[in-house]
Amino acid sequence: MSFLFQVVALALTALILPGLKINSLFSLVGLVGLIYLTNAYLWDAALFYSVPDSLSLRALLTLVCNGLLFFVLVRVLPGVECRGIFTAIITPVLFTILTITLSHFGEDVNWNSVGASILATIDTLRGYLLGDSLNVP
């Protein structure tokens, strides 16, 4: 479920930041997959635990390196555009905040019920728009 939350968080990030443009669902899922692989194999988890809570040169350097890495990932994957290094630095920060928020609040949602409700609404709308006599009372 966390991968889905990250896909939604990156889509929201692209909607919020004007300098980030994602052209397709494949590019969106591909970028989240590349971020997964990069975080798993390139970054050391201890690096993030050692970043101080206050703004320091080390914390700023880590943010800039993370932004540069994101900028490189965007250049590798077709269908994703990032205008400017400032957008590349801000995007991972906003993406992380949105992922944490969605993961926190998404745990309490009954997703089976939400999915069933959406499907029922789509079925009702389809019947109404197509004039299907079987679905319209």
C-alpha atoms as a PDB file:
ATOM      1  CA  MET A   1       0.000   0.000   0.000  1.00  0.00           C
ATOM      2  CA  SER A   2       2.941   2.353   0.607  1.00  0.00           C
ATOM      3  CA  PHE A   3       3.913   2.240  -3.092  1.00  0.00           C
ATOM      4  CA  LEU A   4       0.404   3.405  -4.026  1.00  0.00           C
ATOM      5  CA  PHE A   5       0.621   6.202  -1.456  1.00  0.00           C
ATOM      6  CA  GLN A   6       3.928   7.282  -2.964  1.00  0.00           C
ATOM      7  CA  VAL A   7       2.450   7.307  -6.476  1.00  0.00           C
ATOM      8  CA  VAL A   8      -0.411   9.498  -5.253  1.00  0.00           C
ATOM      9  CA  ALA A   9       2.001  11.719  -3.321  1.00  0.00           C
ATOM     10  CA  LEU A  10       4.171  12.258  -6.401  1.00  0.00           C
ATOM     11  CA  ALA A  11       1.090  13.055  -8.500  1.00  0.00           C
ATOM     12  CA  LEU A  12       0.030  15.630  -5.889  1.00  0.00           C
ATOM     13  CA  THR A  13       3.564  17.034  -5.835  1.00  0.00           C
ATOM     14  CA  ALA A  14       3.426  17.485  -9.612  1.00  0.00           C
ATOM     15  CA  LEU A  15       0.078  19.269  -9.259  1.00  0.00           C
ATOM     16  CA  ILE A  16       1.406  21.608  -6.567  1.00  0.00           C
ATOM     17  CA  LEU A  17       4.790  22.498  -8.089  1.00  0.00           C
ATOM     18  CA  PRO A  18       4.547  24.351 -11.398  1.00  0.00           C
ATOM     19  CA  GLY A  19       8.067  23.328 -12.483  1.00  0.00           C
ATOM     20  CA  LEU A  20       7.388  19.577 -12.307  1.00  0.00           C
ATOM     21  CA  LYS A  21       5.447  17.950 -15.142  1.00  0.00           C
ATOM     22  CA  ILE A  22       4.627  14.254 -15.443  1.00  0.00           C
ATOM     23  CA  ASN A  23       3.178  13.290 -18.824  1.00  0.00           C
ATOM     24  CA  SER A  24       1.847   9.771 -18.232  1.00  0.00           C
ATOM     25  CA  LEU A  25       0.904   7.236 -15.609  1.00  0.00           C
ATOM     26  CA  PHE A  26       3.820   5.056 -16.768  1.00  0.00           C
ATOM     27  CA  SER A  27       6.246   7.917 -16.116  1.00  0.00           C
ATOM     28  CA  LEU A  28       4.713   8.508 -12.687  1.00  0.00           C
ATOM     29  CA  VAL A  29       4.986   4.862 -11.629  1.00  0.00           C
ATOM     30  CA  GLY A  30       8.434   4.579 -13.234  1.00  0.00           C
ATOM     31  CA  LEU A  31       9.763   7.580 -11.329  1.00  0.00           C
ATOM     32  CA  VAL A  32       8.475   6.215  -8.020  1.00  0.00           C
ATOM     33  CA  GLY A  33      10.109   2.881  -8.880  1.00  0.00           C
ATOM     34  CA  LEU A  34      13.416   4.611  -9.661  1.00  0.00           C
ATOM     35  CA  ILE A  35      13.209   6.519  -6.380  1.00  0.00           C
ATOM     36  CA  TYR A  36      12.593   3.188  -4.602  1.00  0.00           C
ATOM     37  CA  LEU A  37      15.637   1.577  -6.242  1.00  0.00           C
ATOM     38  CA  THR A  38      17.831   4.612  -5.640  1.00  0.00           C
ATOM     39  CA  ASN A  39      16.919   4.800  -1.981  1.00  0.00           C
ATOM     40  CA  ALA A  40      17.455   1.066  -1.563  1.00  0.00           C
ATOM     41  CA  TYR A  41      20.843   0.798  -3.271  1.00  0.00           C
ATOM     42  CA  LEU A  42      22.496   4.206  -3.372  1.00  0.00           C
ATOM     43  CA  TRP A  43      21.554   6.081  -0.227  1.00  0.00           C
ATOM     44  CA  ASP A  44      22.498   4.677   3.125  1.00  0.00           C
ATOM     45  CA  ALA A  45      19.678   4.769   5.676  1.00  0.00           C
ATOM     46  CA  ALA A  46      22.171   5.889   8.306  1.00  0.00           C
ATOM     47  CA  LEU A  47      22.696   9.073   6.286  1.00  0.00           C
ATOM     48  CA  PHE A  48      19.152  10.216   6.965  1.00  0.00           C
ATOM     49  CA  TYR A  49      19.317   9.307  10.643  1.00  0.00           C
ATOM     50  CA  SER A  50      22.498  11.321  11.049  1.00  0.00           C
ATOM     51  CA  VAL A  51      21.048  14.505   9.533  1.00  0.00           C
ATOM     52  CA  PRO A  52      20.529  16.948  12.379  1.00  0.00           C
ATOM     53  CA  ASP A  53      17.123  18.437  13.110  1.00  0.00           C
ATOM     54  CA  SER A  54      18.421  21.969  12.811  1.00  0.00           C
ATOM     55  CA  LEU A  55      19.493  23.693   9.636  1.00  0.00           C
ATOM     56  CA  SER A  56      23.206  23.208   9.262  1.00  0.00           C
ATOM     57  CA  LEU A  57      25.648  22.953   6.421  1.00  0.00           C
ATOM     58  CA  ARG A  58      25.428  19.164   6.537  1.00  0.00           C
ATOM     59  CA  ALA A  59      21.621  19.180   6.394  1.00  0.00           C
ATOM     60  CA  LEU A  60      21.600  21.678   3.527  1.00  0.00           C
ATOM     61  CA  LEU A  61      24.236  19.678   1.661  1.00  0.00           C
ATOM     62  CA  THR A  62      22.125  16.531   2.033  1.00  0.00           C
ATOM     63  CA  LEU A  63      19.073  18.366   0.674  1.00  0.00           C
ATOM     64  CA  VAL A  64      21.050  19.676  -2.297  1.00  0.00           C
ATOM     65  CA  CYS A  65      22.523  16.221  -3.039  1.00  0.00           C
ATOM     66  CA  ASN A  66      19.055  14.667  -2.814  1.00  0.00           C
ATOM     67  CA  GLY A  67      17.738  17.338  -5.194  1.00  0.00           C
ATOM     68  CA  LEU A  68      20.587  16.737  -7.650  1.00  0.00           C
ATOM     69  CA  LEU A  69      19.934  13.014  -7.537  1.00  0.00           C
ATOM     70  CA  PHE A  70      16.246  13.640  -8.232  1.00  0.00           C
ATOM     71  CA  PHE A  71      17.241  15.927 -11.121  1.00  0.00           C
ATOM     72  CA  VAL A  72      19.357  13.114 -12.619  1.00  0.00           C
ATOM     73  CA  LEU A  73      16.528  10.583 -12.214  1.00  0.00           C
ATOM     74  CA  VAL A  74      14.149  12.937 -14.003  1.00  0.00           C
ATOM     75  CA  ARG A  75      16.617  13.294 -16.872  1.00  0.00           C
ATOM     76  CA  VAL A  76      16.914   9.496 -17.205  1.00  0.00           C
ATOM     77  CA  LEU A  77      13.172   8.795 -17.344  1.00  0.00           C
ATOM     78  CA  PRO A  78      11.246  10.036 -20.385  1.00  0.00           C
ATOM     79  CA  GLY A  79       7.927  11.736 -19.762  1.00  0.00           C
ATOM     80  CA  VAL A  80       9.002  13.666 -16.671  1.00  0.00           C
ATOM     81  CA  GLU A  81      10.143  17.274 -16.848  1.00  0.00           C
ATOM     82  CA  CYS A  82      11.677  19.333 -14.063  1.00  0.00           C
ATOM     83  CA  ARG A  83      12.380  22.989 -14.756  1.00  0.00           C
ATOM     84  CA  GLY A  84      15.231  24.275 -12.648  1.00  0.00           C
ATOM     85  CA  ILE A  85      17.382  23.019  -9.838  1.00  0.00           C
ATOM     86  CA  PHE A  86      15.237  24.780  -7.212  1.00  0.00           C
ATOM     87  CA  THR A  87      12.255  22.641  -8.232  1.00  0.00           C
ATOM     88  CA  ALA A  88      14.477  19.555  -8.094  1.00  0.00           C
ATOM     89  CA  ILE A  89      15.519  20.420  -4.526  1.00  0.00           C
ATOM     90  CA  ILE A  90      11.988  21.222  -3.308  1.00  0.00           C
ATOM     91  CA  THR A  91      10.290  18.232  -4.980  1.00  0.00           C
ATOM     92  CA  PRO A  92      11.795  15.471  -2.764  1.00  0.00           C
ATOM     93  CA  VAL A  93      11.006  17.475   0.367  1.00  0.00           C
ATOM     94  CA  LEU A  94       7.359  18.019  -0.605  1.00  0.00           C
ATOM     95  CA  PHE A  95       7.109  14.434  -1.870  1.00  0.00           C
ATOM     96  CA  THR A  96       8.325  13.115   1.494  1.00  0.00           C
ATOM     97  CA  ILE A  97       5.904  15.306   3.462  1.00  0.00           C
ATOM     98  CA  LEU A  98       2.949  14.209   1.313  1.00  0.00           C
ATOM     99  CA  THR A  99       3.963  10.528   1.503  1.00  0.00           C
ATOM    100  CA  ILE A 100       4.169  10.635   5.298  1.00  0.00           C
ATOM    101  CA  THR A 101       0.820  12.436   5.506  1.00  0.00           C
ATOM    102  CA  LEU A 102      -0.939  10.019   3.141  1.00  0.00           C
ATOM    103  CA  SER A 103       0.552   6.983   4.883  1.00  0.00           C
ATOM    104  CA  HIS A 104      -0.512   8.275   8.287  1.00  0.00           C
ATOM    105  CA  PHE A 105      -4.104   9.063   7.353  1.00  0.00           C
ATOM    106  CA  GLY A 106      -4.460   6.272   4.790  1.00  0.00           C
ATOM    107  CA  GLU A 107      -4.046   3.542   7.388  1.00  0.00           C
ATOM    108  CA  ASP A 108      -7.435   4.319   8.927  1.00  0.00           C
ATOM    109  CA  VAL A 109      -9.408   4.155   5.677  1.00  0.00           C
ATOM    110  CA  ASN A 110     -11.349   1.049   4.689  1.00  0.00           C
ATOM    111  CA  TRP A 111     -10.155   0.929   1.064  1.00  0.00           C
ATOM    112  CA  ASN A 112     -12.413  -1.999   0.138  1.00  0.00           C
ATOM    113  CA  SER A 113     -15.456   0.058   1.066  1.00  0.00           C
ATOM    114  CA  VAL A 114     -14.146   3.100  -0.820  1.00  0.00           C
ATOM    115  CA  GLY A 115     -13.496   0.994  -3.936  1.00  0.00           C
ATOM    116  CA  ALA A 116     -16.949  -0.613  -3.785  1.00  0.00           C
ATOM    117  CA  SER A 117     -18.573   2.789  -3.407  1.00  0.00           C
ATOM    118  CA  ILE A 118     -16.645   4.215  -6.381  1.00  0.00           C
ATOM    119  CA  LEU A 119     -17.563   1.234  -8.559  1.00  0.00           C
ATOM    120  CA  ALA A 120     -21.236   1.511  -7.586  1.00  0.00           C
ATOM    121  CA  THR A 121     -21.234   5.231  -8.419  1.00  0.00           C
ATOM    122  CA  ILE A 122     -19.570   4.592 -11.791  1.00  0.00           C
ATOM    123  CA  ASP A 123     -22.096   1.862 -12.563  1.00  0.00           C
ATOM    124  CA  THR A 124     -24.992   4.163 -11.658  1.00  0.00           C
ATOM    125  CA  LEU A 125     -23.599   7.002 -13.783  1.00  0.00           C
ATOM    126  CA  ARG A 126     -22.999   4.646 -16.699  1.00  0.00           C
ATOM    127  CA  GLY A 127     -26.576   3.437 -16.528  1.00  0.00           C
ATOM    128  CA  TYR A 128     -27.898   6.973 -16.321  1.00  0.00           C
ATOM    129  CA  LEU A 129     -25.770   8.326 -19.180  1.00  0.00           C
ATOM    130  CA  LEU A 130     -26.348   5.387 -21.501  1.00  0.00           C
ATOM    131  CA  GLY A 131     -30.055   5.225 -20.687  1.00  0.00           C
ATOM    132  CA  ASP A 132     -29.768   1.593 -19.744  1.00  0.00           C
ATOM    133  CA  SER A 133     -33.247   0.506 -18.633  1.00  0.00           C
ATOM    134  CA  LEU A 134     -31.810  -2.228 -16.409  1.00  0.00           C
ATOM    135  CA  ASN A 135     -29.916   0.173 -14.119  1.00  0.00           C
ATOM    136  CA  VAL A 136     -32.301   3.130 -14.049  1.00  0.00           C
ATOM    137  CA  PRO A 137     -35.265   2.701 -11.676  1.00  0.00           C
END
